[in-house]
């Protein structure tokens, strides 16, 4: 009766610190993307506005649907990059950079729609970028956190010859990998079937 009950959902220090570091990098990349979108002006801003208007016109006619395999590869390649980086000591630097770049492109893309169409631009931006991000962002973070932990162990082994790989590789690795594959596949299917329909409806509202 006097046993202390542990908090089941507490993260181990190394996992919590990896998640915190990658979250900060993703957020910093997002802030930078918003700033770049907001500060664009002159000829570049005019070309961006023309491009997005033409894109939404095409979307309103149902002409932006792409193939499933290109969409799937577009998501899988970043997951593979995270897996490769996480399998080496270079992931200690590479994974935070990768998450920062992804945060930048996500917020920059959304920011461009808002810059051109104002608040109404959030509708097509959410359909095109925000909705898929609900799936690919968790998948990338799962791979990134686990990869960063592995990279730290590998770096310690390189620098001091210590560290045990048994604490990093195991059943949890395969469970997370399977979950990430499922999320990535779901994201590609969402972009293939659902996003074009939503984007067509948003285009009719915005334009």
N, C-alpha and C. Protein backbone atom coordinates (compact mmCIF):
# COMPACT_ATOMS: atom_id res chain seq x y z
N UNK A 1 0.82 -1.21 0.00
CA UNK A 1 0.00 0.00 0.00
C UNK A 1 0.85 1.26 0.00
N UNK A 2 2.09 1.12 0.53
CA UNK A 2 2.93 2.29 0.64
C UNK A 2 3.82 2.50 -0.57
N UNK A 3 3.62 1.69 -1.62
CA UNK A 3 4.46 1.83 -2.79
C UNK A 3 4.15 3.12 -3.53
N UNK A 4 5.19 3.72 -4.03
CA UNK A 4 4.98 4.95 -4.79
C UNK A 4 4.50 4.60 -6.19
N UNK A 5 3.47 5.27 -6.62
CA UNK A 5 2.94 5.02 -7.95
C UNK A 5 3.65 5.92 -8.95
N UNK A 6 4.32 5.31 -9.91
CA UNK A 6 5.05 6.10 -10.90
C UNK A 6 4.12 6.73 -11.89
N UNK A 7 4.51 7.84 -12.46
CA UNK A 7 3.71 8.51 -13.47
C UNK A 7 3.98 7.85 -14.81
N UNK A 8 3.00 7.11 -15.29
CA UNK A 8 3.19 6.26 -16.45
C UNK A 8 3.57 7.03 -17.70
N UNK A 9 3.05 8.26 -17.82
CA UNK A 9 3.25 8.98 -19.06
C UNK A 9 4.48 9.89 -19.05
N UNK A 10 5.25 9.87 -17.97
CA UNK A 10 6.46 10.67 -17.94
C UNK A 10 7.44 10.19 -19.01
N UNK A 11 8.07 11.13 -19.72
CA UNK A 11 9.05 10.78 -20.72
C UNK A 11 10.42 10.63 -20.07
N UNK A 12 11.24 9.65 -20.51
CA UNK A 12 12.62 9.60 -20.05
C UNK A 12 13.33 10.89 -20.43
N UNK A 13 14.35 11.23 -19.67
CA UNK A 13 15.00 12.51 -19.91
C UNK A 13 15.52 12.63 -21.33
N UNK A 14 16.16 11.60 -21.87
CA UNK A 14 16.74 11.71 -23.20
C UNK A 14 15.67 11.82 -24.26
N UNK A 15 14.55 11.13 -24.12
CA UNK A 15 13.46 11.24 -25.08
C UNK A 15 12.79 12.61 -24.98
N UNK A 16 12.59 13.08 -23.76
CA UNK A 16 11.98 14.40 -23.58
C UNK A 16 12.85 15.51 -24.12
N UNK A 17 14.15 15.41 -23.91
CA UNK A 17 15.05 16.45 -24.41
C UNK A 17 15.13 16.42 -25.93
N UNK A 18 15.09 15.22 -26.53
CA UNK A 18 15.11 15.10 -27.99
C UNK A 18 13.85 15.72 -28.58
N UNK A 19 12.71 15.42 -27.97
CA UNK A 19 11.45 16.01 -28.43
C UNK A 19 11.46 17.52 -28.30
N UNK A 20 11.98 18.03 -27.18
CA UNK A 20 12.04 19.47 -26.98
C UNK A 20 12.94 20.15 -27.99
N UNK A 21 14.11 19.56 -28.26
CA UNK A 21 15.04 20.16 -29.21
C UNK A 21 14.44 20.21 -30.61
N UNK A 22 13.85 19.10 -31.05
CA UNK A 22 13.27 19.07 -32.39
C UNK A 22 12.06 19.99 -32.49
N UNK A 23 11.29 20.11 -31.42
CA UNK A 23 10.14 21.01 -31.42
C UNK A 23 10.59 22.46 -31.56
N UNK A 24 11.65 22.83 -30.85
CA UNK A 24 12.17 24.19 -30.94
C UNK A 24 12.68 24.49 -32.35
N UNK A 25 13.37 23.52 -32.96
CA UNK A 25 13.89 23.71 -34.32
C UNK A 25 12.75 23.85 -35.31
N UNK A 26 11.71 23.02 -35.16
CA UNK A 26 10.54 23.09 -36.04
C UNK A 26 9.85 24.44 -35.89
N UNK A 27 9.71 24.90 -34.65
CA UNK A 27 9.06 26.18 -34.40
C UNK A 27 9.89 27.34 -34.94
N UNK A 28 11.19 27.29 -34.76
CA UNK A 28 12.05 28.35 -35.28
C UNK A 28 11.99 28.41 -36.80
N UNK A 29 11.98 27.23 -37.43
CA UNK A 29 11.83 27.19 -38.88
C UNK A 29 10.50 27.78 -39.31
N UNK A 30 9.43 27.49 -38.53
CA UNK A 30 8.12 28.04 -38.83
C UNK A 30 8.09 29.55 -38.73
N UNK A 31 8.72 30.09 -37.70
CA UNK A 31 8.77 31.55 -37.53
C UNK A 31 9.53 32.19 -38.70
N UNK A 32 10.64 31.57 -39.09
CA UNK A 32 11.42 32.10 -40.21
C UNK A 32 10.61 32.05 -41.50
N UNK A 33 9.84 30.98 -41.70
CA UNK A 33 9.01 30.88 -42.89
C UNK A 33 7.95 31.96 -42.94
N UNK A 34 7.32 32.24 -41.81
CA UNK A 34 6.32 33.32 -41.75
C UNK A 34 6.94 34.67 -42.07
N UNK A 35 8.14 34.92 -41.55
CA UNK A 35 8.80 36.19 -41.81
C UNK A 35 9.16 36.35 -43.28
N UNK A 36 9.67 35.29 -43.89
CA UNK A 36 10.03 35.36 -45.31
C UNK A 36 8.79 35.62 -46.17
N UNK A 37 7.67 34.96 -45.82
CA UNK A 37 6.44 35.17 -46.58
C UNK A 37 5.92 36.60 -46.40
N UNK A 38 6.05 37.13 -45.20
CA UNK A 38 5.54 38.47 -44.93
C UNK A 38 6.41 39.56 -45.54
N UNK A 39 7.71 39.31 -45.66
CA UNK A 39 8.64 40.34 -46.13
C UNK A 39 8.83 40.35 -47.64
N UNK A 40 8.26 39.37 -48.34
CA UNK A 40 8.41 39.35 -49.80
C UNK A 40 7.67 40.54 -50.41
N UNK A 41 8.32 41.21 -51.35
CA UNK A 41 7.69 42.38 -51.98
C UNK A 41 8.20 42.55 -53.40
N UNK A 42 7.76 43.60 -54.04
CA UNK A 42 8.23 43.90 -55.39
C UNK A 42 7.77 42.88 -56.41
N UNK A 43 8.64 42.62 -57.37
CA UNK A 43 8.32 41.72 -58.48
C UNK A 43 8.05 40.30 -57.99
N UNK A 44 8.80 39.88 -56.96
CA UNK A 44 8.60 38.54 -56.43
C UNK A 44 7.20 38.35 -55.87
N UNK A 45 6.69 39.36 -55.17
CA UNK A 45 5.34 39.28 -54.61
C UNK A 45 4.29 39.24 -55.72
N UNK A 46 4.50 40.02 -56.80
CA UNK A 46 3.55 40.00 -57.91
C UNK A 46 3.53 38.64 -58.60
N UNK A 47 4.69 38.07 -58.81
CA UNK A 47 4.77 36.75 -59.45
C UNK A 47 4.13 35.68 -58.56
N UNK A 48 4.35 35.80 -57.24
CA UNK A 48 3.75 34.85 -56.31
C UNK A 48 2.23 34.94 -56.36
N UNK A 49 1.70 36.16 -56.36
CA UNK A 49 0.26 36.34 -56.41
C UNK A 49 -0.34 35.77 -57.68
N UNK A 50 0.33 36.02 -58.82
CA UNK A 50 -0.15 35.50 -60.09
C UNK A 50 -0.13 33.97 -60.10
N UNK A 51 0.94 33.41 -59.58
CA UNK A 51 1.07 31.95 -59.56
C UNK A 51 -0.02 31.31 -58.71
N UNK A 52 -0.26 31.84 -57.52
CA UNK A 52 -1.25 31.25 -56.63
C UNK A 52 -2.67 31.43 -57.16
N UNK A 53 -2.93 32.57 -57.79
CA UNK A 53 -4.25 32.77 -58.39
C UNK A 53 -4.49 31.78 -59.52
N UNK A 54 -3.47 31.59 -60.36
CA UNK A 54 -3.59 30.61 -61.45
C UNK A 54 -3.76 29.20 -60.90
N UNK A 55 -3.04 28.93 -59.81
CA UNK A 55 -3.14 27.59 -59.21
C UNK A 55 -4.54 27.33 -58.67
N UNK A 56 -5.11 28.32 -58.00
CA UNK A 56 -6.47 28.14 -57.47
C UNK A 56 -7.51 28.08 -58.58
N UNK A 57 -7.29 28.82 -59.66
CA UNK A 57 -8.19 28.71 -60.80
C UNK A 57 -8.17 27.31 -61.37
N UNK A 58 -6.98 26.75 -61.48
CA UNK A 58 -6.85 25.37 -61.97
C UNK A 58 -7.46 24.39 -60.99
N UNK A 59 -7.28 24.65 -59.68
CA UNK A 59 -7.87 23.77 -58.66
C UNK A 59 -9.38 23.83 -58.71
N UNK A 60 -9.95 25.01 -58.99
CA UNK A 60 -11.39 25.15 -59.08
C UNK A 60 -11.98 24.37 -60.23
N UNK A 61 -11.14 24.07 -61.22
CA UNK A 61 -11.59 23.28 -62.36
C UNK A 61 -11.25 21.80 -62.19
N UNK A 62 -10.71 21.46 -60.99
CA UNK A 62 -10.37 20.06 -60.72
C UNK A 62 -9.14 19.58 -61.46
N UNK A 63 -8.21 20.48 -61.74
CA UNK A 63 -7.05 20.10 -62.55
C UNK A 63 -5.74 20.00 -61.80
N UNK A 64 -5.76 19.86 -60.47
CA UNK A 64 -4.50 19.81 -59.72
C UNK A 64 -4.24 18.45 -59.09
N UNK A 65 -5.07 17.47 -59.38
CA UNK A 65 -4.88 16.14 -58.79
C UNK A 65 -3.65 15.48 -59.40
N UNK A 66 -2.74 15.01 -58.54
CA UNK A 66 -1.53 14.36 -59.01
C UNK A 66 -1.62 12.86 -58.85
N UNK A 67 -0.58 12.15 -59.29
CA UNK A 67 -0.53 10.70 -59.15
C UNK A 67 -0.26 10.30 -57.71
N UNK A 68 -0.70 9.10 -57.37
CA UNK A 68 -0.52 8.63 -56.00
C UNK A 68 0.94 8.39 -55.67
N UNK A 69 1.68 7.77 -56.58
CA UNK A 69 3.07 7.44 -56.29
C UNK A 69 3.95 8.68 -56.11
N UNK A 70 3.83 9.71 -56.96
CA UNK A 70 4.61 10.93 -56.68
C UNK A 70 4.27 11.55 -55.33
N UNK A 71 2.99 11.53 -54.96
CA UNK A 71 2.60 12.07 -53.65
C UNK A 71 3.20 11.24 -52.53
N UNK A 72 3.16 9.92 -52.68
CA UNK A 72 3.73 9.05 -51.66
C UNK A 72 5.23 9.25 -51.53
N UNK A 73 5.92 9.36 -52.66
CA UNK A 73 7.36 9.58 -52.62
C UNK A 73 7.69 10.95 -52.02
N UNK A 74 6.84 11.93 -52.29
CA UNK A 74 7.07 13.26 -51.74
C UNK A 74 7.07 13.27 -50.23
N UNK A 75 6.33 12.34 -49.60
CA UNK A 75 6.30 12.24 -48.14
C UNK A 75 7.35 11.27 -47.62
N UNK A 76 7.53 10.16 -48.34
CA UNK A 76 8.44 9.11 -47.86
C UNK A 76 9.90 9.57 -47.86
N UNK A 77 10.26 10.43 -48.82
CA UNK A 77 11.66 10.81 -48.93
C UNK A 77 12.18 11.53 -47.70
N UNK A 78 11.33 12.33 -47.06
CA UNK A 78 11.77 13.02 -45.84
C UNK A 78 11.83 12.06 -44.67
N UNK A 79 10.93 11.07 -44.67
CA UNK A 79 10.98 10.04 -43.64
C UNK A 79 12.24 9.21 -43.79
N UNK A 80 12.60 8.87 -45.02
CA UNK A 80 13.83 8.12 -45.27
C UNK A 80 15.06 8.93 -44.87
N UNK A 81 15.02 10.24 -45.17
CA UNK A 81 16.14 11.09 -44.77
C UNK A 81 16.32 11.09 -43.26
N UNK A 82 15.20 11.15 -42.52
CA UNK A 82 15.27 11.12 -41.07
C UNK A 82 15.79 9.77 -40.57
N UNK A 83 15.37 8.69 -41.20
CA UNK A 83 15.84 7.36 -40.82
C UNK A 83 17.34 7.20 -41.05
N UNK A 84 17.79 7.70 -42.21
CA UNK A 84 19.22 7.60 -42.53
C UNK A 84 20.05 8.44 -41.57
N UNK A 85 19.61 9.66 -41.32
CA UNK A 85 20.33 10.52 -40.38
C UNK A 85 20.34 9.91 -38.98
N UNK A 86 19.22 9.31 -38.58
CA UNK A 86 19.14 8.71 -37.25
C UNK A 86 19.98 7.47 -37.09
N UNK A 87 20.45 6.91 -38.20
CA UNK A 87 21.29 5.72 -38.14
C UNK A 87 22.78 6.07 -38.08
N UNK A 88 23.10 7.36 -38.06
CA UNK A 88 24.48 7.80 -38.00
C UNK A 88 24.64 8.87 -36.91
N UNK A 89 25.88 9.12 -36.55
CA UNK A 89 26.16 10.16 -35.56
C UNK A 89 25.86 11.55 -36.11
N UNK A 90 25.80 11.69 -37.44
CA UNK A 90 25.50 13.00 -38.05
C UNK A 90 24.08 13.45 -37.75
N UNK A 91 23.23 12.52 -37.33
CA UNK A 91 21.86 12.88 -37.02
C UNK A 91 21.72 13.86 -35.89
N UNK A 92 22.72 13.95 -35.02
CA UNK A 92 22.69 14.91 -33.91
C UNK A 92 22.53 16.33 -34.45
N UNK A 93 23.13 16.60 -35.61
CA UNK A 93 23.01 17.91 -36.24
C UNK A 93 21.97 17.88 -37.36
N UNK A 94 21.97 16.79 -38.14
CA UNK A 94 21.12 16.71 -39.32
C UNK A 94 19.64 16.68 -39.02
N UNK A 95 19.23 15.97 -37.97
CA UNK A 95 17.80 15.87 -37.66
C UNK A 95 17.20 17.21 -37.22
N UNK A 96 17.85 17.96 -36.34
CA UNK A 96 17.30 19.30 -36.03
C UNK A 96 17.20 20.20 -37.25
N UNK A 97 18.19 20.12 -38.16
CA UNK A 97 18.14 20.91 -39.38
C UNK A 97 16.97 20.48 -40.25
N UNK A 98 16.78 19.17 -40.39
CA UNK A 98 15.68 18.65 -41.20
C UNK A 98 14.33 19.11 -40.66
N UNK A 99 14.14 19.04 -39.35
CA UNK A 99 12.87 19.49 -38.76
C UNK A 99 12.69 21.00 -38.93
N UNK A 100 13.79 21.74 -38.81
CA UNK A 100 13.69 23.19 -39.01
C UNK A 100 13.32 23.54 -40.43
N UNK A 101 13.89 22.84 -41.40
CA UNK A 101 13.58 23.10 -42.81
C UNK A 101 12.12 22.76 -43.10
N UNK A 102 11.63 21.65 -42.55
CA UNK A 102 10.24 21.28 -42.77
C UNK A 102 9.28 22.29 -42.14
N UNK A 103 9.62 22.77 -40.96
CA UNK A 103 8.82 23.82 -40.34
C UNK A 103 8.81 25.09 -41.16
N UNK A 104 9.96 25.42 -41.76
CA UNK A 104 10.06 26.61 -42.60
C UNK A 104 9.14 26.50 -43.81
N UNK A 105 9.23 25.39 -44.53
CA UNK A 105 8.45 25.24 -45.75
C UNK A 105 6.96 25.20 -45.47
N UNK A 106 6.57 24.57 -44.35
CA UNK A 106 5.16 24.51 -44.02
C UNK A 106 4.60 25.90 -43.75
N UNK A 107 5.25 26.65 -42.89
CA UNK A 107 4.74 27.99 -42.55
C UNK A 107 4.90 28.97 -43.70
N UNK A 108 5.96 28.83 -44.48
CA UNK A 108 6.16 29.72 -45.63
C UNK A 108 5.04 29.52 -46.65
N UNK A 109 4.67 28.26 -46.89
CA UNK A 109 3.61 27.97 -47.85
C UNK A 109 2.28 28.55 -47.39
N UNK A 110 1.96 28.34 -46.11
CA UNK A 110 0.72 28.89 -45.57
C UNK A 110 0.76 30.42 -45.58
N UNK A 111 1.92 30.98 -45.22
CA UNK A 111 2.07 32.43 -45.19
C UNK A 111 1.90 33.07 -46.56
N UNK A 112 2.35 32.37 -47.60
CA UNK A 112 2.19 32.92 -48.95
C UNK A 112 0.72 33.02 -49.34
N UNK A 113 -0.07 32.02 -49.01
CA UNK A 113 -1.50 32.07 -49.30
C UNK A 113 -2.16 33.23 -48.55
N UNK A 114 -1.78 33.41 -47.29
CA UNK A 114 -2.35 34.50 -46.51
C UNK A 114 -1.88 35.86 -47.01
N UNK A 115 -0.66 35.93 -47.50
CA UNK A 115 -0.13 37.19 -48.02
C UNK A 115 -0.90 37.61 -49.28
N UNK A 116 -1.25 36.65 -50.11
CA UNK A 116 -1.92 36.96 -51.37
C UNK A 116 -3.42 37.14 -51.20
N UNK A 117 -4.06 36.26 -50.42
CA UNK A 117 -5.52 36.25 -50.33
C UNK A 117 -6.05 36.75 -48.99
N UNK A 118 -5.18 37.19 -48.10
CA UNK A 118 -5.62 37.64 -46.79
C UNK A 118 -6.08 36.47 -45.92
N UNK A 119 -6.98 36.75 -45.01
CA UNK A 119 -7.47 35.70 -44.11
C UNK A 119 -8.13 34.56 -44.84
N UNK A 120 -8.76 34.84 -45.99
CA UNK A 120 -9.41 33.78 -46.76
C UNK A 120 -8.41 32.76 -47.27
N UNK A 121 -7.13 33.14 -47.35
CA UNK A 121 -6.11 32.22 -47.82
C UNK A 121 -5.87 31.05 -46.88
N UNK A 122 -6.35 31.19 -45.63
CA UNK A 122 -6.20 30.08 -44.68
C UNK A 122 -7.00 28.86 -45.12
N UNK A 123 -8.08 29.06 -45.85
CA UNK A 123 -8.91 27.93 -46.29
C UNK A 123 -8.15 27.01 -47.25
N UNK A 124 -7.67 27.51 -48.39
CA UNK A 124 -6.90 26.63 -49.27
C UNK A 124 -5.58 26.18 -48.65
N UNK A 125 -4.97 27.04 -47.82
CA UNK A 125 -3.71 26.66 -47.18
C UNK A 125 -3.90 25.48 -46.24
N UNK A 126 -5.02 25.48 -45.49
CA UNK A 126 -5.28 24.36 -44.60
C UNK A 126 -5.57 23.09 -45.38
N UNK A 127 -6.35 23.22 -46.46
CA UNK A 127 -6.67 22.04 -47.26
C UNK A 127 -5.43 21.46 -47.92
N UNK A 128 -4.54 22.32 -48.39
CA UNK A 128 -3.37 21.87 -49.14
C UNK A 128 -2.20 21.47 -48.26
N UNK A 129 -2.00 22.20 -47.16
CA UNK A 129 -0.82 21.96 -46.32
C UNK A 129 -1.17 21.52 -44.89
N UNK A 130 -2.16 22.17 -44.29
CA UNK A 130 -2.46 21.90 -42.89
C UNK A 130 -3.02 20.53 -42.64
N UNK A 131 -3.95 20.10 -43.48
CA UNK A 131 -4.58 18.79 -43.28
C UNK A 131 -3.58 17.65 -43.43
N UNK A 132 -2.76 17.60 -44.49
CA UNK A 132 -1.73 16.56 -44.55
C UNK A 132 -0.73 16.64 -43.41
N UNK A 133 -0.45 17.86 -42.93
CA UNK A 133 0.52 18.02 -41.84
C UNK A 133 0.07 17.34 -40.56
N UNK A 134 -1.24 17.15 -40.38
CA UNK A 134 -1.75 16.45 -39.21
C UNK A 134 -1.26 15.00 -39.17
N UNK A 135 -0.82 14.48 -40.32
CA UNK A 135 -0.32 13.11 -40.39
C UNK A 135 1.20 13.04 -40.54
N UNK A 136 1.76 13.85 -41.46
CA UNK A 136 3.20 13.70 -41.69
C UNK A 136 4.06 14.32 -40.60
N UNK A 137 3.56 15.36 -39.93
CA UNK A 137 4.35 15.96 -38.84
C UNK A 137 4.54 14.99 -37.68
N UNK A 138 3.48 14.33 -37.16
CA UNK A 138 3.71 13.34 -36.09
C UNK A 138 4.64 12.21 -36.52
N UNK A 139 4.50 11.75 -37.79
CA UNK A 139 5.37 10.68 -38.27
C UNK A 139 6.83 11.13 -38.27
N UNK A 140 7.08 12.34 -38.75
CA UNK A 140 8.44 12.85 -38.81
C UNK A 140 9.02 13.04 -37.41
N UNK A 141 8.19 13.49 -36.47
CA UNK A 141 8.67 13.67 -35.10
C UNK A 141 8.96 12.33 -34.44
N UNK A 142 8.13 11.32 -34.69
CA UNK A 142 8.39 10.00 -34.12
C UNK A 142 9.73 9.46 -34.58
N UNK A 143 9.96 9.53 -35.89
CA UNK A 143 11.24 9.07 -36.43
C UNK A 143 12.38 9.95 -35.94
N UNK A 144 12.14 11.27 -35.90
CA UNK A 144 13.19 12.19 -35.50
C UNK A 144 13.63 12.02 -34.06
N UNK A 145 12.67 11.87 -33.14
CA UNK A 145 13.01 11.70 -31.73
C UNK A 145 13.80 10.42 -31.52
N UNK A 146 13.31 9.33 -32.10
CA UNK A 146 14.01 8.06 -31.95
C UNK A 146 15.38 8.10 -32.61
N UNK A 147 15.44 8.75 -33.79
CA UNK A 147 16.72 8.85 -34.49
C UNK A 147 17.72 9.71 -33.74
N UNK A 148 17.25 10.78 -33.11
CA UNK A 148 18.15 11.64 -32.35
C UNK A 148 18.72 10.91 -31.14
N UNK A 149 17.90 10.06 -30.52
CA UNK A 149 18.41 9.26 -29.41
C UNK A 149 19.49 8.30 -29.90
N UNK A 150 19.25 7.66 -31.03
CA UNK A 150 20.25 6.73 -31.58
C UNK A 150 21.52 7.47 -31.94
N UNK A 151 21.35 8.64 -32.56
CA UNK A 151 22.53 9.41 -32.99
C UNK A 151 23.38 9.82 -31.80
N UNK A 152 22.74 10.17 -30.68
CA UNK A 152 23.49 10.56 -29.49
C UNK A 152 24.28 9.38 -28.95
N UNK A 153 23.67 8.20 -28.97
CA UNK A 153 24.39 7.00 -28.52
C UNK A 153 25.57 6.71 -29.44
N UNK A 154 25.33 6.81 -30.75
CA UNK A 154 26.40 6.56 -31.72
C UNK A 154 27.53 7.58 -31.57
N UNK A 155 27.16 8.84 -31.34
CA UNK A 155 28.18 9.86 -31.15
C UNK A 155 29.00 9.58 -29.90
N UNK A 156 28.34 9.16 -28.83
CA UNK A 156 29.07 8.80 -27.62
C UNK A 156 30.01 7.64 -27.85
N UNK A 157 29.58 6.67 -28.66
CA UNK A 157 30.44 5.53 -28.96
C UNK A 157 31.67 5.96 -29.76
N UNK A 158 31.45 6.91 -30.69
CA UNK A 158 32.56 7.40 -31.49
C UNK A 158 33.56 8.18 -30.64
N UNK A 159 33.04 9.02 -29.73
CA UNK A 159 33.90 9.88 -28.94
C UNK A 159 34.57 9.17 -27.78
N UNK A 160 33.85 8.23 -27.16
CA UNK A 160 34.40 7.62 -25.95
C UNK A 160 34.40 6.09 -25.97
N UNK A 161 33.83 5.52 -26.99
CA UNK A 161 33.79 4.06 -27.04
C UNK A 161 32.75 3.46 -26.12
N UNK A 162 31.86 4.25 -25.51
CA UNK A 162 30.83 3.75 -24.61
C UNK A 162 29.48 3.74 -25.26
N UNK A 163 28.48 3.40 -24.47
CA UNK A 163 27.10 3.39 -24.96
C UNK A 163 26.66 2.01 -25.36
N UNK A 164 25.45 1.66 -25.07
CA UNK A 164 24.90 0.35 -25.40
C UNK A 164 23.76 0.52 -26.38
N UNK A 165 23.87 -0.18 -27.50
CA UNK A 165 22.84 -0.07 -28.52
C UNK A 165 21.56 -0.77 -28.11
N UNK A 166 21.62 -1.68 -27.15
CA UNK A 166 20.41 -2.40 -26.74
C UNK A 166 19.35 -1.47 -26.18
N UNK A 167 19.77 -0.35 -25.65
CA UNK A 167 18.81 0.60 -25.08
C UNK A 167 18.10 1.42 -26.16
N UNK A 168 18.61 1.31 -27.42
CA UNK A 168 18.06 2.13 -28.49
C UNK A 168 17.32 1.28 -29.52
N UNK A 169 17.89 0.12 -29.86
CA UNK A 169 17.26 -0.75 -30.83
C UNK A 169 16.41 -1.79 -30.11
N UNK A 170 15.25 -2.10 -30.64
CA UNK A 170 14.40 -3.09 -30.01
C UNK A 170 13.01 -3.07 -30.60
N UNK A 171 12.08 -3.68 -29.89
CA UNK A 171 10.70 -3.78 -30.38
C UNK A 171 10.07 -2.42 -30.59
N UNK A 172 10.39 -1.46 -29.72
CA UNK A 172 9.81 -0.12 -29.84
C UNK A 172 10.18 0.53 -31.16
N UNK A 173 11.39 0.25 -31.65
CA UNK A 173 11.83 0.80 -32.94
C UNK A 173 10.89 0.37 -34.06
N UNK A 174 10.58 -0.92 -34.10
CA UNK A 174 9.74 -1.44 -35.17
C UNK A 174 8.30 -1.00 -35.01
N UNK A 175 7.83 -0.88 -33.79
CA UNK A 175 6.46 -0.39 -33.58
C UNK A 175 6.31 1.04 -34.08
N UNK A 176 7.28 1.88 -33.75
CA UNK A 176 7.21 3.27 -34.20
C UNK A 176 7.38 3.37 -35.72
N UNK A 177 8.27 2.53 -36.27
CA UNK A 177 8.48 2.55 -37.71
C UNK A 177 7.19 2.17 -38.44
N UNK A 178 6.50 1.15 -37.94
CA UNK A 178 5.24 0.74 -38.55
C UNK A 178 4.18 1.83 -38.46
N UNK A 179 4.12 2.50 -37.31
CA UNK A 179 3.17 3.59 -37.14
C UNK A 179 3.47 4.73 -38.11
N UNK A 180 4.75 5.05 -38.27
CA UNK A 180 5.14 6.13 -39.16
C UNK A 180 4.82 5.80 -40.62
N UNK A 181 5.05 4.56 -41.00
CA UNK A 181 4.71 4.13 -42.37
C UNK A 181 3.21 4.27 -42.60
N UNK A 182 2.42 3.86 -41.60
CA UNK A 182 0.97 3.99 -41.71
C UNK A 182 0.53 5.44 -41.83
N UNK A 183 1.11 6.32 -41.03
CA UNK A 183 0.77 7.74 -41.10
C UNK A 183 1.15 8.34 -42.44
N UNK A 184 2.33 7.96 -42.95
CA UNK A 184 2.78 8.49 -44.24
C UNK A 184 1.90 8.01 -45.37
N UNK A 185 1.54 6.74 -45.36
CA UNK A 185 0.64 6.22 -46.39
C UNK A 185 -0.73 6.91 -46.30
N UNK A 186 -1.22 7.08 -45.08
CA UNK A 186 -2.49 7.78 -44.91
C UNK A 186 -2.43 9.21 -45.41
N UNK A 187 -1.30 9.88 -45.22
CA UNK A 187 -1.13 11.24 -45.70
C UNK A 187 -1.18 11.30 -47.22
N UNK A 188 -0.49 10.35 -47.88
CA UNK A 188 -0.49 10.31 -49.34
C UNK A 188 -1.90 10.05 -49.89
N UNK A 189 -2.63 9.13 -49.26
CA UNK A 189 -3.99 8.84 -49.70
C UNK A 189 -4.90 10.04 -49.48
N UNK A 190 -4.67 10.76 -48.38
CA UNK A 190 -5.45 11.97 -48.10
C UNK A 190 -5.20 13.03 -49.17
N UNK A 191 -3.94 13.21 -49.54
CA UNK A 191 -3.61 14.19 -50.56
C UNK A 191 -4.13 13.78 -51.94
N UNK A 192 -4.25 12.48 -52.15
CA UNK A 192 -4.69 11.99 -53.45
C UNK A 192 -6.20 12.06 -53.63
N UNK A 193 -6.95 11.73 -52.58
CA UNK A 193 -8.40 11.64 -52.69
C UNK A 193 -9.16 12.85 -52.11
N UNK A 194 -8.71 13.33 -50.95
CA UNK A 194 -9.49 14.33 -50.21
C UNK A 194 -9.06 15.75 -50.53
N UNK A 195 -7.77 16.01 -50.54
CA UNK A 195 -7.27 17.37 -50.71
C UNK A 195 -7.75 18.02 -52.02
N UNK A 196 -7.70 17.34 -53.18
CA UNK A 196 -8.18 18.00 -54.41
C UNK A 196 -9.64 18.43 -54.32
N UNK A 197 -10.48 17.62 -53.67
CA UNK A 197 -11.89 17.98 -53.53
C UNK A 197 -12.05 19.21 -52.65
N UNK A 198 -11.35 19.21 -51.51
CA UNK A 198 -11.43 20.36 -50.61
C UNK A 198 -10.85 21.61 -51.27
N UNK A 199 -9.76 21.44 -52.00
CA UNK A 199 -9.13 22.59 -52.64
C UNK A 199 -10.03 23.18 -53.72
N UNK A 200 -10.73 22.33 -54.43
CA UNK A 200 -11.67 22.81 -55.44
C UNK A 200 -12.77 23.64 -54.81
N UNK A 201 -13.27 23.19 -53.65
CA UNK A 201 -14.31 23.95 -52.96
C UNK A 201 -13.77 25.26 -52.39
N UNK A 202 -12.55 25.22 -51.87
CA UNK A 202 -11.94 26.44 -51.31
C UNK A 202 -11.68 27.47 -52.40
N UNK A 203 -11.28 27.01 -53.58
CA UNK A 203 -11.00 27.92 -54.68
C UNK A 203 -12.25 28.69 -55.08
N UNK A 204 -13.39 28.04 -55.03
CA UNK A 204 -14.65 28.72 -55.38
C UNK A 204 -15.01 29.78 -54.35
N UNK A 205 -14.59 29.58 -53.12
CA UNK A 205 -14.88 30.55 -52.06
C UNK A 205 -13.93 31.75 -52.12
N UNK A 206 -12.66 31.46 -52.35
CA UNK A 206 -11.63 32.51 -52.29
C UNK A 206 -11.65 33.38 -53.53
N UNK A 207 -11.80 32.79 -54.71
CA UNK A 207 -11.70 33.56 -55.95
C UNK A 207 -13.02 34.23 -56.31
